[in-house]
PDB file of N, CA and C in Angstrom:
ATOM      1  N   MET A   1       0.333   9.925   7.655  1.00  0.00           N
ATOM      2  CA  MET A   1      -0.789   9.148   7.193  1.00  0.00           C
ATOM      3  C   MET A   1      -0.278   8.044   6.297  1.00  0.00           C
ATOM      4  N   ARG A   2      -1.059   7.015   6.162  1.00  0.00           N
ATOM      5  CA  ARG A   2      -0.675   5.860   5.349  1.00  0.00           C
ATOM      6  C   ARG A   2      -1.782   5.529   4.359  1.00  0.00           C
ATOM      7  N   LEU A   3      -1.359   5.036   3.224  1.00  0.00           N
ATOM      8  CA  LEU A   3      -2.285   4.464   2.257  1.00  0.00           C
ATOM      9  C   LEU A   3      -2.215   2.958   2.419  1.00  0.00           C
ATOM     10  N   LEU A   4      -3.345   2.338   2.610  1.00  0.00           N
ATOM     11  CA  LEU A   4      -3.446   0.899   2.705  1.00  0.00           C
ATOM     12  C   LEU A   4      -4.114   0.428   1.415  1.00  0.00           C
ATOM     13  N   LEU A   5      -3.346  -0.212   0.558  1.00  0.00           N
ATOM     14  CA  LEU A   5      -3.804  -0.626  -0.759  1.00  0.00           C
ATOM     15  C   LEU A   5      -4.042  -2.129  -0.752  1.00  0.00           C
ATOM     16  N   SER A   6      -5.243  -2.546  -1.086  1.00  0.00           N
ATOM     17  CA  SER A   6      -5.540  -3.977  -1.170  1.00  0.00           C
ATOM     18  C   SER A   6      -6.078  -4.281  -2.562  1.00  0.00           C
ATOM     19  N   PHE A   7      -5.783  -5.494  -3.011  1.00  0.00           N
ATOM     20  CA  PHE A   7      -6.243  -5.865  -4.347  1.00  0.00           C
ATOM     21  C   PHE A   7      -6.486  -7.353  -4.440  1.00  0.00           C
ATOM     22  N   ASP A   8      -7.356  -7.708  -5.365  1.00  0.00           N
ATOM     23  CA  ASP A   8      -7.670  -9.092  -5.703  1.00  0.00           C
ATOM     24  C   ASP A   8      -7.735  -9.145  -7.217  1.00  0.00           C
ATOM     25  N   LEU A   9      -6.682  -9.659  -7.819  1.00  0.00           N
ATOM     26  CA  LEU A   9      -6.579  -9.663  -9.274  1.00  0.00           C
ATOM     27  C   LEU A   9      -6.609 -11.093  -9.804  1.00  0.00           C
ATOM     28  N   PRO A  10      -7.301 -11.319 -10.923  1.00  0.00           N
ATOM     29  CA  PRO A  10      -7.343 -12.671 -11.497  1.00  0.00           C
ATOM     30  C   PRO A  10      -5.972 -13.056 -12.060  1.00  0.00           C
ATOM     31  N   VAL A  11      -5.642 -14.349 -11.957  1.00  0.00           N
ATOM     32  CA  VAL A  11      -4.350 -14.836 -12.459  1.00  0.00           C
ATOM     33  C   VAL A  11      -4.503 -16.167 -13.200  1.00  0.00           C
ATOM     34  N   GLU A  12      -5.687 -16.413 -13.771  1.00  0.00           N
ATOM     35  CA  GLU A  12      -5.916 -17.676 -14.471  1.00  0.00           C
ATOM     36  C   GLU A  12      -5.223 -17.712 -15.831  1.00  0.00           C
ATOM     37  N   LYS A  13      -5.247 -16.616 -16.554  1.00  0.00           N
ATOM     38  CA  LYS A  13      -4.659 -16.554 -17.896  1.00  0.00           C
ATOM     39  C   LYS A  13      -3.275 -15.915 -17.835  1.00  0.00           C
ATOM     40  N   LYS A  14      -2.474 -16.197 -18.844  1.00  0.00           N
ATOM     41  CA  LYS A  14      -1.115 -15.664 -18.907  1.00  0.00           C
ATOM     42  C   LYS A  14      -1.120 -14.133 -18.883  1.00  0.00           C
ATOM     43  N   GLU A  15      -2.037 -13.513 -19.635  1.00  0.00           N
ATOM     44  CA  GLU A  15      -2.118 -12.051 -19.678  1.00  0.00           C
ATOM     45  C   GLU A  15      -2.460 -11.471 -18.300  1.00  0.00           C
ATOM     46  N   GLN A  16      -3.322 -12.177 -17.561  1.00  0.00           N
ATOM     47  CA  GLN A  16      -3.704 -11.729 -16.227  1.00  0.00           C
ATOM     48  C   GLN A  16      -2.526 -11.816 -15.255  1.00  0.00           C
ATOM     49  N   ARG A  17      -1.736 -12.896 -15.366  1.00  0.00           N
ATOM     50  CA  ARG A  17      -0.554 -13.023 -14.510  1.00  0.00           C
ATOM     51  C   ARG A  17       0.465 -11.936 -14.826  1.00  0.00           C
ATOM     52  N   THR A  18       0.612 -11.614 -16.112  1.00  0.00           N
ATOM     53  CA  THR A  18       1.516 -10.540 -16.519  1.00  0.00           C
ATOM     54  C   THR A  18       1.039  -9.209 -15.965  1.00  0.00           C
ATOM     55  N   ALA A  19      -0.270  -8.940 -16.057  1.00  0.00           N
ATOM     56  CA  ALA A  19      -0.834  -7.697 -15.529  1.00  0.00           C
ATOM     57  C   ALA A  19      -0.634  -7.625 -14.012  1.00  0.00           C
ATOM     58  N   TYR A  20      -0.792  -8.753 -13.327  1.00  0.00           N
ATOM     59  CA  TYR A  20      -0.584  -8.813 -11.875  1.00  0.00           C
ATOM     60  C   TYR A  20       0.859  -8.445 -11.530  1.00  0.00           C
ATOM     61  N   ARG A  21       1.821  -9.078 -12.216  1.00  0.00           N
ATOM     62  CA  ARG A  21       3.242  -8.812 -11.945  1.00  0.00           C
ATOM     63  C   ARG A  21       3.601  -7.352 -12.212  1.00  0.00           C
ATOM     64  N   HIS A  22       3.083  -6.804 -13.311  1.00  0.00           N
ATOM     65  CA  HIS A  22       3.354  -5.399 -13.623  1.00  0.00           C
ATOM     66  C   HIS A  22       2.758  -4.468 -12.564  1.00  0.00           C
ATOM     67  N   PHE A  23       1.556  -4.778 -12.113  1.00  0.00           N
ATOM     68  CA  PHE A  23       0.907  -3.955 -11.103  1.00  0.00           C
ATOM     69  C   PHE A  23       1.724  -3.951  -9.808  1.00  0.00           C
ATOM     70  N   VAL A  24       2.129  -5.126  -9.354  1.00  0.00           N
ATOM     71  CA  VAL A  24       2.922  -5.222  -8.119  1.00  0.00           C
ATOM     72  C   VAL A  24       4.252  -4.497  -8.289  1.00  0.00           C
ATOM     73  N   LYS A  25       4.886  -4.660  -9.427  1.00  0.00           N
ATOM     74  CA  LYS A  25       6.152  -3.971  -9.699  1.00  0.00           C
ATOM     75  C   LYS A  25       5.954  -2.455  -9.668  1.00  0.00           C
ATOM     76  N   ASP A  26       4.872  -1.980 -10.259  1.00  0.00           N
ATOM     77  CA  ASP A  26       4.600  -0.541 -10.307  1.00  0.00           C
ATOM     78  C   ASP A  26       4.322   0.041  -8.924  1.00  0.00           C
ATOM     79  N   ILE A  27       3.534  -0.662  -8.095  1.00  0.00           N
ATOM     80  CA  ILE A  27       3.248  -0.105  -6.771  1.00  0.00           C
ATOM     81  C   ILE A  27       4.503  -0.137  -5.891  1.00  0.00           C
ATOM     82  N   LYS A  28       5.331  -1.159  -6.063  1.00  0.00           N
ATOM     83  CA  LYS A  28       6.593  -1.203  -5.313  1.00  0.00           C
ATOM     84  C   LYS A  28       7.510  -0.057  -5.745  1.00  0.00           C
ATOM     85  N   SER A  29       7.493   0.270  -7.029  1.00  0.00           N
ATOM     86  CA  SER A  29       8.344   1.365  -7.507  1.00  0.00           C
ATOM     87  C   SER A  29       7.887   2.717  -6.959  1.00  0.00           C
ATOM     88  N   LEU A  30       6.628   2.808  -6.537  1.00  0.00           N
ATOM     89  CA  LEU A  30       6.121   4.031  -5.905  1.00  0.00           C
ATOM     90  C   LEU A  30       6.438   4.084  -4.409  1.00  0.00           C
ATOM     91  N   GLY A  31       7.011   3.006  -3.873  1.00  0.00           N
ATOM     92  CA  GLY A  31       7.375   3.003  -2.462  1.00  0.00           C
ATOM     93  C   GLY A  31       6.423   2.244  -1.559  1.00  0.00           C
ATOM     94  N   PHE A  32       5.460   1.540  -2.116  1.00  0.00           N
ATOM     95  CA  PHE A  32       4.578   0.708  -1.307  1.00  0.00           C
ATOM     96  C   PHE A  32       5.357  -0.520  -0.853  1.00  0.00           C
ATOM     97  N   TYR A  33       5.133  -0.964   0.381  1.00  0.00           N
ATOM     98  CA  TYR A  33       5.744  -2.205   0.836  1.00  0.00           C
ATOM     99  C   TYR A  33       4.650  -3.196   1.214  1.00  0.00           C
ATOM    100  N   GLN A  34       4.993  -4.476   1.114  1.00  0.00           N
ATOM    101  CA  GLN A  34       4.009  -5.526   1.336  1.00  0.00           C
ATOM    102  C   GLN A  34       3.748  -5.707   2.821  1.00  0.00           C
ATOM    103  N   PHE A  35       2.471  -5.636   3.182  1.00  0.00           N
ATOM    104  CA  PHE A  35       2.028  -5.834   4.556  1.00  0.00           C
ATOM    105  C   PHE A  35       1.465  -7.241   4.728  1.00  0.00           C
ATOM    106  N   GLN A  36       0.702  -7.677   3.727  1.00  0.00           N
ATOM    107  CA  GLN A  36       0.178  -9.034   3.635  1.00  0.00           C
ATOM    108  C   GLN A  36       0.208  -9.421   2.165  1.00  0.00           C
ATOM    109  N   LYS A  37      -0.288 -10.593   1.839  1.00  0.00           N
ATOM    110  CA  LYS A  37      -0.197 -11.123   0.473  1.00  0.00           C
ATOM    111  C   LYS A  37      -0.631 -10.110  -0.579  1.00  0.00           C
ATOM    112  N   SER A  38      -1.800  -9.543  -0.453  1.00  0.00           N
ATOM    113  CA  SER A  38      -2.306  -8.565  -1.425  1.00  0.00           C
ATOM    114  C   SER A  38      -2.644  -7.238  -0.763  1.00  0.00           C
ATOM    115  N   VAL A  39      -1.875  -6.885   0.261  1.00  0.00           N
ATOM    116  CA  VAL A  39      -2.068  -5.624   0.976  1.00  0.00           C
ATOM    117  C   VAL A  39      -0.720  -4.921   1.048  1.00  0.00           C
ATOM    118  N   TYR A  40      -0.669  -3.714   0.524  1.00  0.00           N
ATOM    119  CA  TYR A  40       0.553  -2.921   0.510  1.00  0.00           C
ATOM    120  C   TYR A  40       0.296  -1.587   1.202  1.00  0.00           C
ATOM    121  N   ILE A  41       1.353  -1.014   1.783  1.00  0.00           N
ATOM    122  CA  ILE A  41       1.227   0.225   2.544  1.00  0.00           C
ATOM    123  C   ILE A  41       2.248   1.240   2.067  1.00  0.00           C
ATOM    124  N   LYS A  42       1.838   2.508   2.059  1.00  0.00           N
ATOM    125  CA  LYS A  42       2.707   3.615   1.658  1.00  0.00           C
ATOM    126  C   LYS A  42       2.557   4.745   2.668  1.00  0.00           C
ATOM    127  N   LEU A  43       3.678   5.271   3.144  1.00  0.00           N
ATOM    128  CA  LEU A  43       3.686   6.420   4.039  1.00  0.00           C
ATOM    129  C   LEU A  43       3.547   7.695   3.213  1.00  0.00           C
ATOM    130  N   CYS A  44       2.640   8.581   3.614  1.00  0.00           N
ATOM    131  CA  CYS A  44       2.434   9.870   2.932  1.00  0.00           C
ATOM    132  C   CYS A  44       2.481  10.984   3.969  1.00  0.00           C
ATOM    133  N   MET A  45       3.011  12.114   3.578  1.00  0.00           N
ATOM    134  CA  MET A  45       3.158  13.231   4.509  1.00  0.00           C
ATOM    135  C   MET A  45       1.861  14.005   4.730  1.00  0.00           C
ATOM    136  N   ASN A  46       0.981  14.029   3.707  1.00  0.00           N
ATOM    137  CA  ASN A  46      -0.266  14.782   3.836  1.00  0.00           C
ATOM    138  C   ASN A  46      -1.306  14.239   2.854  1.00  0.00           C
ATOM    139  N   GLN A  47      -2.511  14.777   2.911  1.00  0.00           N
ATOM    140  CA  GLN A  47      -3.596  14.294   2.066  1.00  0.00           C
ATOM    141  C   GLN A  47      -3.330  14.568   0.589  1.00  0.00           C
ATOM    142  N   GLN A  48      -2.705  15.678   0.286  1.00  0.00           N
ATOM    143  CA  GLN A  48      -2.393  16.015  -1.109  1.00  0.00           C
ATOM    144  C   GLN A  48      -1.448  14.966  -1.711  1.00  0.00           C
ATOM    145  N   MET A  49      -0.450  14.563  -0.960  1.00  0.00           N
ATOM    146  CA  MET A  49       0.476  13.535  -1.420  1.00  0.00           C
ATOM    147  C   MET A  49      -0.252  12.191  -1.574  1.00  0.00           C
ATOM    148  N   ALA A  50      -1.116  11.862  -0.621  1.00  0.00           N
ATOM    149  CA  ALA A  50      -1.887  10.624  -0.695  1.00  0.00           C
ATOM    150  C   ALA A  50      -2.776  10.614  -1.935  1.00  0.00           C
ATOM    151  N   ASP A  51      -3.436  11.727  -2.207  1.00  0.00           N
ATOM    152  CA  ASP A  51      -4.290  11.823  -3.396  1.00  0.00           C
ATOM    153  C   ASP A  51      -3.489  11.633  -4.676  1.00  0.00           C
ATOM    154  N   ALA A  52      -2.265  12.166  -4.710  1.00  0.00           N
ATOM    155  CA  ALA A  52      -1.409  12.020  -5.896  1.00  0.00           C
ATOM    156  C   ALA A  52      -1.044  10.553  -6.117  1.00  0.00           C
ATOM    157  N   TYR A  53      -0.726   9.836  -5.045  1.00  0.00           N
ATOM    158  CA  TYR A  53      -0.392   8.419  -5.176  1.00  0.00           C
ATOM    159  C   TYR A  53      -1.604   7.591  -5.578  1.00  0.00           C
ATOM    160  N   ILE A  54      -2.760   7.935  -5.043  1.00  0.00           N
ATOM    161  CA  ILE A  54      -3.991   7.228  -5.431  1.00  0.00           C
ATOM    162  C   ILE A  54      -4.229   7.407  -6.928  1.00  0.00           C
ATOM    163  N   LYS A  55      -4.033   8.614  -7.425  1.00  0.00           N
ATOM    164  CA  LYS A  55      -4.216   8.894  -8.849  1.00  0.00           C
ATOM    165  C   LYS A  55      -3.231   8.085  -9.694  1.00  0.00           C
ATOM    166  N   LYS A  56      -1.971   7.984  -9.239  1.00  0.00           N
ATOM    167  CA  LYS A  56      -0.969   7.204  -9.968  1.00  0.00           C
ATOM    168  C   LYS A  56      -1.342   5.729 -10.017  1.00  0.00           C
ATOM    169  N   VAL A  57      -1.758   5.180  -8.873  1.00  0.00           N
ATOM    170  CA  VAL A  57      -2.138   3.767  -8.829  1.00  0.00           C
ATOM    171  C   VAL A  57      -3.335   3.516  -9.743  1.00  0.00           C
ATOM    172  N   LYS A  58      -4.289   4.420  -9.709  1.00  0.00           N
ATOM    173  CA  LYS A  58      -5.477   4.277 -10.559  1.00  0.00           C
ATOM    174  C   LYS A  58      -5.106   4.282 -12.038  1.00  0.00           C
ATOM    175  N   SER A  59      -4.064   5.030 -12.392  1.00  0.00           N
ATOM    176  CA  SER A  59      -3.672   5.148 -13.804  1.00  0.00           C
ATOM    177  C   SER A  59      -3.108   3.856 -14.370  1.00  0.00           C
ATOM    178  N   PHE A  60      -2.512   3.009 -13.538  1.00  0.00           N
ATOM    179  CA  PHE A  60      -1.953   1.760 -14.066  1.00  0.00           C
ATOM    180  C   PHE A  60      -2.604   0.499 -13.486  1.00  0.00           C
ATOM    181  N   ALA A  61      -3.726   0.661 -12.784  1.00  0.00           N
ATOM    182  CA  ALA A  61      -4.444  -0.506 -12.255  1.00  0.00           C
ATOM    183  C   ALA A  61      -4.965  -1.355 -13.418  1.00  0.00           C
ATOM    184  N   PRO A  62      -4.911  -2.680 -13.278  1.00  0.00           N
ATOM    185  CA  PRO A  62      -5.418  -3.562 -14.341  1.00  0.00           C
ATOM    186  C   PRO A  62      -6.912  -3.353 -14.587  1.00  0.00           C
ATOM    187  N   ASN A  63      -7.361  -3.783 -15.749  1.00  0.00           N
ATOM    188  CA  ASN A  63      -8.769  -3.629 -16.123  1.00  0.00           C
ATOM    189  C   ASN A  63      -9.683  -4.622 -15.409  1.00  0.00           C
ATOM    190  N   GLU A  64      -9.112  -5.739 -14.956  1.00  0.00           N
ATOM    191  CA  GLU A  64      -9.904  -6.776 -14.297  1.00  0.00           C
ATOM    192  C   GLU A  64      -9.529  -6.855 -12.814  1.00  0.00           C
ATOM    193  N   GLY A  65     -10.468  -7.324 -12.003  1.00  0.00           N
ATOM    194  CA  GLY A  65     -10.191  -7.522 -10.592  1.00  0.00           C
ATOM    195  C   GLY A  65     -10.696  -6.381  -9.732  1.00  0.00           C
ATOM    196  N   SER A  66     -10.131  -6.316  -8.539  1.00  0.00           N
ATOM    197  CA  SER A  66     -10.563  -5.323  -7.563  1.00  0.00           C
ATOM    198  C   SER A  66      -9.328  -4.686  -6.923  1.00  0.00           C
ATOM    199  N   VAL A  67      -9.318  -3.354  -6.871  1.00  0.00           N
ATOM    200  CA  VAL A  67      -8.247  -2.602  -6.220  1.00  0.00           C
ATOM    201  C   VAL A  67      -8.920  -1.554  -5.340  1.00  0.00           C
ATOM    202  N   ALA A  68      -8.543  -1.515  -4.059  1.00  0.00           N
ATOM    203  CA  ALA A  68      -9.141  -0.563  -3.122  1.00  0.00           C
ATOM    204  C   ALA A  68      -8.029   0.106  -2.325  1.00  0.00           C
ATOM    205  N   VAL A  69      -8.271   1.339  -1.910  1.00  0.00           N
ATOM    206  CA  VAL A  69      -7.291   2.054  -1.101  1.00  0.00           C
ATOM    207  C   VAL A  69      -8.006   2.719   0.079  1.00  0.00           C
ATOM    208  N   LEU A  70      -7.352   2.680   1.230  1.00  0.00           N
ATOM    209  CA  LEU A  70      -7.892   3.277   2.435  1.00  0.00           C
ATOM    210  C   LEU A  70      -6.813   4.186   3.014  1.00  0.00           C
ATOM    211  N   THR A  71      -7.169   5.414   3.353  1.00  0.00           N
ATOM    212  CA  THR A  71      -6.241   6.345   3.970  1.00  0.00           C
ATOM    213  C   THR A  71      -6.447   6.291   5.476  1.00  0.00           C
ATOM    214  N   ILE A  72      -5.363   6.032   6.218  1.00  0.00           N
ATOM    215  CA  ILE A  72      -5.448   5.983   7.673  1.00  0.00           C
ATOM    216  C   ILE A  72      -4.371   6.887   8.279  1.00  0.00           C
ATOM    217  N   THR A  73      -4.624   7.347   9.470  1.00  0.00           N
ATOM    218  CA  THR A  73      -3.663   8.209  10.159  1.00  0.00           C
ATOM    219  C   THR A  73      -2.545   7.357  10.756  1.00  0.00           C
ATOM    220  N   GLU A  74      -1.462   8.014  11.144  1.00  0.00           N
ATOM    221  CA  GLU A  74      -0.360   7.308  11.807  1.00  0.00           C
ATOM    222  C   GLU A  74      -0.827   6.687  13.115  1.00  0.00           C
ATOM    223  N   LYS A  75      -1.689   7.376  13.834  1.00  0.00           N
ATOM    224  CA  LYS A  75      -2.229   6.849  15.087  1.00  0.00           C
ATOM    225  C   LYS A  75      -3.006   5.562  14.828  1.00  0.00           C
ATOM    226  N   GLN A  76      -3.858   5.565  13.811  1.00  0.00           N
ATOM    227  CA  GLN A  76      -4.626   4.368  13.476  1.00  0.00           C
ATOM    228  C   GLN A  76      -3.696   3.230  13.058  1.00  0.00           C
ATOM    229  N   PHE A  77      -2.681   3.554  12.267  1.00  0.00           N
ATOM    230  CA  PHE A  77      -1.730   2.528  11.827  1.00  0.00           C
ATOM    231  C   PHE A  77      -0.962   1.957  13.017  1.00  0.00           C
ATOM    232  N   ASN A  78      -0.557   2.822  13.918  1.00  0.00           N
ATOM    233  CA  ASN A  78       0.188   2.392  15.092  1.00  0.00           C
ATOM    234  C   ASN A  78      -0.659   1.527  16.021  1.00  0.00           C
ATOM    235  N   ASP A  79      -1.979   1.681  15.957  1.00  0.00           N
ATOM    236  CA  ASP A  79      -2.887   0.906  16.804  1.00  0.00           C
ATOM    237  C   ASP A  79      -3.241  -0.462  16.222  1.00  0.00           C
ATOM    238  N   ILE A  80      -2.714  -0.800  15.040  1.00  0.00           N
ATOM    239  CA  ILE A  80      -2.977  -2.119  14.452  1.00  0.00           C
ATOM    240  C   ILE A  80      -2.414  -3.184  15.382  1.00  0.00           C
ATOM    241  N   LYS A  81      -3.224  -4.152  15.697  1.00  0.00           N
ATOM    242  CA  LYS A  81      -2.815  -5.272  16.544  1.00  0.00           C
ATOM    243  C   LYS A  81      -2.499  -6.467  15.646  1.00  0.00           C
ATOM    244  N   ILE A  82      -1.271  -6.958  15.713  1.00  0.00           N
ATOM    245  CA  ILE A  82      -0.883  -8.149  14.967  1.00  0.00           C
ATOM    246  C   ILE A  82      -1.298  -9.353  15.807  1.00  0.00           C
ATOM    247  N   LEU A  83      -2.310 -10.084  15.354  1.00  0.00           N
ATOM    248  CA  LEU A  83      -2.838 -11.210  16.113  1.00  0.00           C
ATOM    249  C   LEU A  83      -2.055 -12.490  15.848  1.00  0.00           C
ATOM    250  N   LEU A  84      -1.548 -12.634  14.640  1.00  0.00           N
ATOM    251  CA  LEU A  84      -0.801 -13.832  14.274  1.00  0.00           C
ATOM    252  C   LEU A  84       0.224 -13.447  13.232  1.00  0.00           C
ATOM    253  N   GLY A  85       1.433 -13.918  13.379  1.00  0.00           N
ATOM    254  CA  GLY A  85       2.487 -13.589  12.429  1.00  0.00           C
ATOM    255  C   GLY A  85       3.467 -12.611  13.033  1.00  0.00           C
ATOM    256  N   ASP A  86       4.458 -12.265  12.252  1.00  0.00           N
ATOM    257  CA  ASP A  86       5.521 -11.386  12.720  1.00  0.00           C
ATOM    258  C   ASP A  86       5.169  -9.938  12.492  1.00  0.00           C
ATOM    259  N   ASN A  87       5.552  -9.111  13.440  1.00  0.00           N
ATOM    260  CA  ASN A  87       5.401  -7.665  13.303  1.00  0.00           C
ATOM    261  C   ASN A  87       6.539  -7.163  12.422  1.00  0.00           C
ATOM    262  N   ILE A  88       6.248  -6.326  11.461  1.00  0.00           N
ATOM    263  CA  ILE A  88       7.267  -5.787  10.573  1.00  0.00           C
ATOM    264  C   ILE A  88       8.067  -4.753  11.352  1.00  0.00           C
ATOM    265  N   THR A  89       9.366  -4.976  11.486  1.00  0.00           N
ATOM    266  CA  THR A  89      10.177  -4.088  12.301  1.00  0.00           C
ATOM    267  C   THR A  89      11.080  -3.173  11.484  1.00  0.00           C
ATOM    268  N   ASP A  90      11.142  -3.357  10.175  1.00  0.00           N
ATOM    269  CA  ASP A  90      12.048  -2.544   9.363  1.00  0.00           C
ATOM    270  C   ASP A  90      11.351  -1.341   8.736  1.00  0.00           C
ATOM    271  N   VAL A  91      10.194  -0.977   9.267  1.00  0.00           N
ATOM    272  CA  VAL A  91       9.473   0.196   8.766  1.00  0.00           C
ATOM    273  C   VAL A  91       9.130   1.115   9.930  1.00  0.00           C
ATOM    274  N   ILE A  92       8.888   2.369   9.612  1.00  0.00           N
ATOM    275  CA  ILE A  92       8.495   3.338  10.630  1.00  0.00           C
ATOM    276  C   ILE A  92       7.115   2.959  11.143  1.00  0.00           C
ATOM    277  N   ASN A  93       6.991   2.779  12.438  1.00  0.00           N
ATOM    278  CA  ASN A  93       5.723   2.384  13.030  1.00  0.00           C
ATOM    279  C   ASN A  93       5.496   3.167  14.317  1.00  0.00           C
ATOM    280  N   SER A  94       5.359   4.466  14.184  1.00  0.00           N
ATOM    281  CA  SER A  94       5.170   5.315  15.352  1.00  0.00           C
ATOM    282  C   SER A  94       4.354   6.525  14.967  1.00  0.00           C
ATOM    283  N   ASP A  95       3.548   7.002  15.898  1.00  0.00           N
ATOM    284  CA  ASP A  95       2.794   8.221  15.641  1.00  0.00           C
ATOM    285  C   ASP A  95       3.525   9.436  16.208  1.00  0.00           C
ATOM    286  N   GLU A  96       4.754   9.250  16.705  1.00  0.00           N
ATOM    287  CA  GLU A  96       5.543  10.357  17.222  1.00  0.00           C
ATOM    288  C   GLU A  96       6.260  11.070  16.070  1.00  0.00           C
ATOM    289  N   ARG A  97       6.470  12.358  16.242  1.00  0.00           N
ATOM    290  CA  ARG A  97       7.203  13.127  15.247  1.00  0.00           C
ATOM    291  C   ARG A  97       8.508  13.610  15.866  1.00  0.00           C
ATOM    292  N   MET A  98       9.541  13.621  15.054  1.00  0.00           N
ATOM    293  CA  MET A  98      10.829  14.089  15.521  1.00  0.00           C
ATOM    294  C   MET A  98      11.285  15.240  14.625  1.00  0.00           C
ATOM    295  N   ILE A  99      11.640  16.346  15.250  1.00  0.00           N
ATOM    296  CA  ILE A  99      12.141  17.494  14.508  1.00  0.00           C
ATOM    297  C   ILE A  99      13.578  17.715  14.937  1.00  0.00           C
ATOM    298  N   GLU A 100      14.480  17.667  13.970  1.00  0.00           N
ATOM    299  CA  GLU A 100      15.895  17.865  14.253  1.00  0.00           C
ATOM    300  C   GLU A 100      16.303  19.219  13.717  1.00  0.00           C
ATOM    301  N   LEU A 101      16.874  20.068  14.574  1.00  0.00           N
ATOM    302  CA  LEU A 101      17.283  21.408  14.166  1.00  0.00           C
ATOM    303  C   LEU A 101      18.769  21.466  13.976  1.00  0.00           C
TER     304      LEU A 101
END
């Protein structure tokens, strides 16, 4: 499953720009990667792990702006159609599972 995190944060004042940079730095440190300008994605193994990451993001989200998260399955993520732009090839993008014994 994947967490799809989107945000719209104000950046008019210096403090707001600082809060924006800290927020992006914090979500990247949790393993989120940039999908679009203000859309980041994180791979999670199960719902419990996803809930833990949502709680962490909520704990350091800025006081102003909008932050939303959507949980999607690997199948749903794999079905995303890129209409314009490059497909990200350096990330896992498959709903198949591999078990190595």
